[in-house]
Protein backbone atom coordinates (compact mmCIF):
# COMPACT_ATOMS: atom_id res chain seq x y z
CA MET A 1 28.04 -7.59 17.53
CA GLN A 2 30.61 -8.37 14.60
CA THR A 3 31.07 -5.58 12.08
CA GLN A 4 30.59 -6.20 8.28
CA ALA A 5 32.96 -4.39 6.22
CA MET A 6 32.08 -3.93 2.47
CA PHE A 7 34.99 -2.71 0.04
CA TYR A 8 34.19 -1.39 -3.13
CA SER A 9 36.52 -1.10 -5.56
CA ILE A 10 36.26 1.73 -7.85
CA GLU A 11 37.85 0.32 -11.19
CA GLU A 12 39.46 2.42 -14.14
CA GLN A 13 36.34 1.89 -16.03
CA SER A 14 33.98 3.80 -13.48
CA LYS A 15 35.96 6.86 -14.04
CA VAL A 16 34.03 9.75 -16.09
CA SER A 17 35.60 12.05 -18.12
CA GLY A 18 37.52 15.05 -16.05
CA VAL A 19 36.27 13.34 -12.68
CA THR A 20 38.95 13.38 -10.05
CA ASP A 21 39.74 10.14 -7.74
CA GLU A 22 38.31 12.12 -5.05
CA GLN A 23 35.12 13.79 -6.44
CA LEU A 24 34.39 9.98 -7.66
CA HIS A 25 35.17 8.99 -3.92
CA LEU A 26 32.63 11.46 -2.81
CA HIS A 27 29.96 10.11 -5.47
CA TYR A 28 30.20 6.64 -4.06
CA ALA A 29 30.22 7.63 -0.48
CA CYS A 30 27.06 9.51 -1.22
CA LEU A 31 25.43 6.70 -2.68
CA GLN A 32 26.00 4.49 -0.15
CA ALA A 33 25.03 7.27 2.72
CA ALA A 34 21.80 7.59 0.35
CA HIS A 35 21.46 3.93 0.26
CA PHE A 36 21.31 3.42 4.21
CA TYR A 37 19.51 6.85 4.91
CA ARG A 38 16.81 4.65 2.93
CA GLN A 39 17.09 1.99 5.19
CA ASN A 40 16.69 3.94 8.38
CA GLN A 41 19.88 3.32 9.19
CA ARG A 42 22.21 6.34 10.71
CA VAL A 43 25.19 6.92 8.93
CA PHE A 44 28.51 8.52 9.75
CA ILE A 45 30.92 9.46 7.03
CA TYR A 46 34.14 9.96 8.27
CA THR A 47 36.85 12.31 6.28
CA GLN A 48 40.63 12.77 5.93
CA ASP A 49 40.57 16.58 7.20
CA GLN A 50 38.19 19.42 7.66
CA GLN A 51 38.02 20.43 3.80
CA SER A 52 37.29 17.16 2.63
CA ALA A 53 34.16 16.85 5.08
CA HIS A 54 33.05 20.32 4.14
CA ASP A 55 33.49 18.92 0.22
CA ILE A 56 30.99 15.88 0.94
CA ASP A 57 28.78 18.22 2.92
CA GLU A 58 28.20 20.04 -0.84
CA MET A 59 27.80 17.42 -2.82
CA LEU A 60 24.86 15.98 -0.75
CA TRP A 61 23.36 19.24 -0.63
CA ALA A 62 22.98 18.49 -4.76
CA PHE A 63 23.50 15.13 -4.74
CA GLU A 64 19.71 13.72 -5.96
CA PRO A 65 17.51 16.85 -6.27
CA THR A 66 13.72 14.65 -6.10
CA SER A 67 14.95 13.05 -3.05
CA PHE A 68 17.03 14.86 -0.29
CA VAL A 69 19.26 13.07 2.31
CA PRO A 70 19.24 15.14 5.78
CA HIS A 71 22.67 15.41 6.64
CA ASN A 72 25.13 17.65 8.77
CA LEU A 73 28.61 18.52 10.10
CA ILE A 74 29.48 17.30 13.18
CA GLY A 75 28.31 19.82 15.77
CA GLU A 76 25.98 21.38 13.38
CA GLY A 77 21.95 20.69 13.43
CA PRO A 78 19.91 19.07 15.94
CA LYS A 79 21.37 17.68 19.55
CA GLN A 80 21.65 13.89 17.89
CA GLY A 81 22.57 15.22 14.44
CA ALA A 82 21.04 14.37 11.27
CA ALA A 83 20.50 10.89 9.69
CA VAL A 84 23.59 11.31 7.93
CA GLU A 85 26.60 13.21 10.01
CA ILE A 86 30.04 14.05 8.16
CA SER A 87 33.34 14.98 10.05
CA TRP A 88 37.09 13.87 10.15
CA GLN A 89 36.78 13.86 14.01
CA ALA A 90 35.48 10.82 16.19
CA PRO A 91 31.84 10.43 16.21
CA THR A 92 29.88 11.55 19.18
CA ASN A 93 26.74 9.97 18.59
CA ARG A 94 25.64 6.28 18.03
CA ARG A 95 25.60 5.35 14.57
CA ALA A 96 24.92 1.93 12.75
CA VAL A 97 26.40 3.16 9.51
CA LEU A 98 30.55 3.99 9.13
CA ILE A 99 31.74 5.17 5.51
CA ASN A 100 35.41 5.72 5.74
CA LEU A 101 37.07 7.63 3.38
CA THR A 102 40.39 8.33 4.97
CA SER A 103 43.77 6.11 4.65
CA ASN A 104 43.37 4.28 7.74
CA VAL A 105 40.79 1.87 9.65
CA PRO A 106 39.45 4.57 12.23
CA ASN A 107 40.08 3.24 15.88
CA PHE A 108 36.17 3.34 16.50
CA ALA A 109 35.63 1.59 13.70
CA ASN A 110 34.30 -1.57 15.70
CA GLN A 111 31.44 0.84 17.16
CA PHE A 112 29.52 0.55 13.77
CA SER A 113 27.18 -2.50 12.44
CA TYR A 114 28.48 -1.85 8.59
CA LEU A 115 31.94 -0.34 7.33
CA ILE A 116 31.91 0.90 3.79
CA ASP A 117 35.27 1.78 2.33
CA PHE A 118 36.30 2.36 -0.80
CA VAL A 119 39.65 0.56 -2.78
CA PRO A 120 40.80 3.16 -5.90
CA SER A 121 42.18 2.07 -8.94
CA ASP A 122 45.68 4.08 -7.93
CA ASP A 123 48.47 2.03 -7.04
CA VAL A 124 49.60 3.50 -3.80
CA GLN A 125 45.81 4.35 -2.93
CA LYS A 126 45.19 0.94 -3.92
CA GLU A 127 47.78 -0.63 -1.34
CA GLN A 128 46.40 1.45 1.38
CA ALA A 129 42.99 -0.03 0.87
CA ARG A 130 44.78 -3.53 1.21
CA ASN A 131 45.81 -2.69 4.37
CA ARG A 132 42.63 -1.41 5.68
CA PHE A 133 40.94 -4.68 4.54
CA ARG A 134 43.53 -6.67 6.53
CA THR A 135 43.26 -4.64 9.38
CA CYS A 136 39.07 -5.40 9.26
CA ARG A 137 40.03 -9.03 9.13
CA GLN A 138 42.48 -8.88 11.84
CA TRP A 139 39.81 -7.15 14.13
CA GLY A 140 37.33 -9.97 13.46
CA PHE A 141 34.92 -8.03 10.92
CA LYS A 142 33.38 -9.97 8.52
CA VAL A 143 34.56 -8.15 5.41
CA THR A 144 33.24 -8.44 1.68
CA HIS A 145 34.14 -7.24 -1.96
CA GLN A 146 32.41 -6.17 -5.04
CA VAL A 147 33.38 -4.16 -7.66
CA ALA A 148 31.55 -0.75 -7.51
CA SER A 149 29.09 -0.09 -10.72
CA ALA A 150 30.16 2.78 -13.04
CA PRO A 151 28.49 5.78 -12.42
CA GLN A 152 26.71 7.58 -15.76
CA THR A 153 27.51 11.13 -14.84
CA ILE A 154 28.94 12.94 -11.90
CA ASP A 155 28.05 16.78 -11.05
CA THR A 156 31.21 18.23 -9.92
CA ALA A 157 29.45 21.94 -9.84
CA SER A 158 30.10 21.99 -6.35
């Protein structure tokens, strides 16, 4: 099985007034999680740290009021986890989709069919994303890239 990696560029024009880069990344991660959930795919969102995991957990609760995306932090919820599982630690259940919100490609990324990653507009983070892109290619992943569409609004109430 060859992992397919998709890198989404988050350009300056995608920025919404008053929204931080981290909130924007979480927004796009929620969009992707909802998309794959609707495709009946199990998703693992990998975060840099525990606080980021809690932040995206909170954002998913309020993300789409008309269509809830079942999710939980790793170790919570049902034994096999909800459709979308969130953690700063390696996954314990089999999943098809990895949404990476860290600065490196996790060493377990090849266990997934799909890897979703983001290229921010910040120069330092953009260079980290380029390194992740190169790593994915070196690992034999099928790597593609596209520009993320600009969001109209982002709920930052959480």
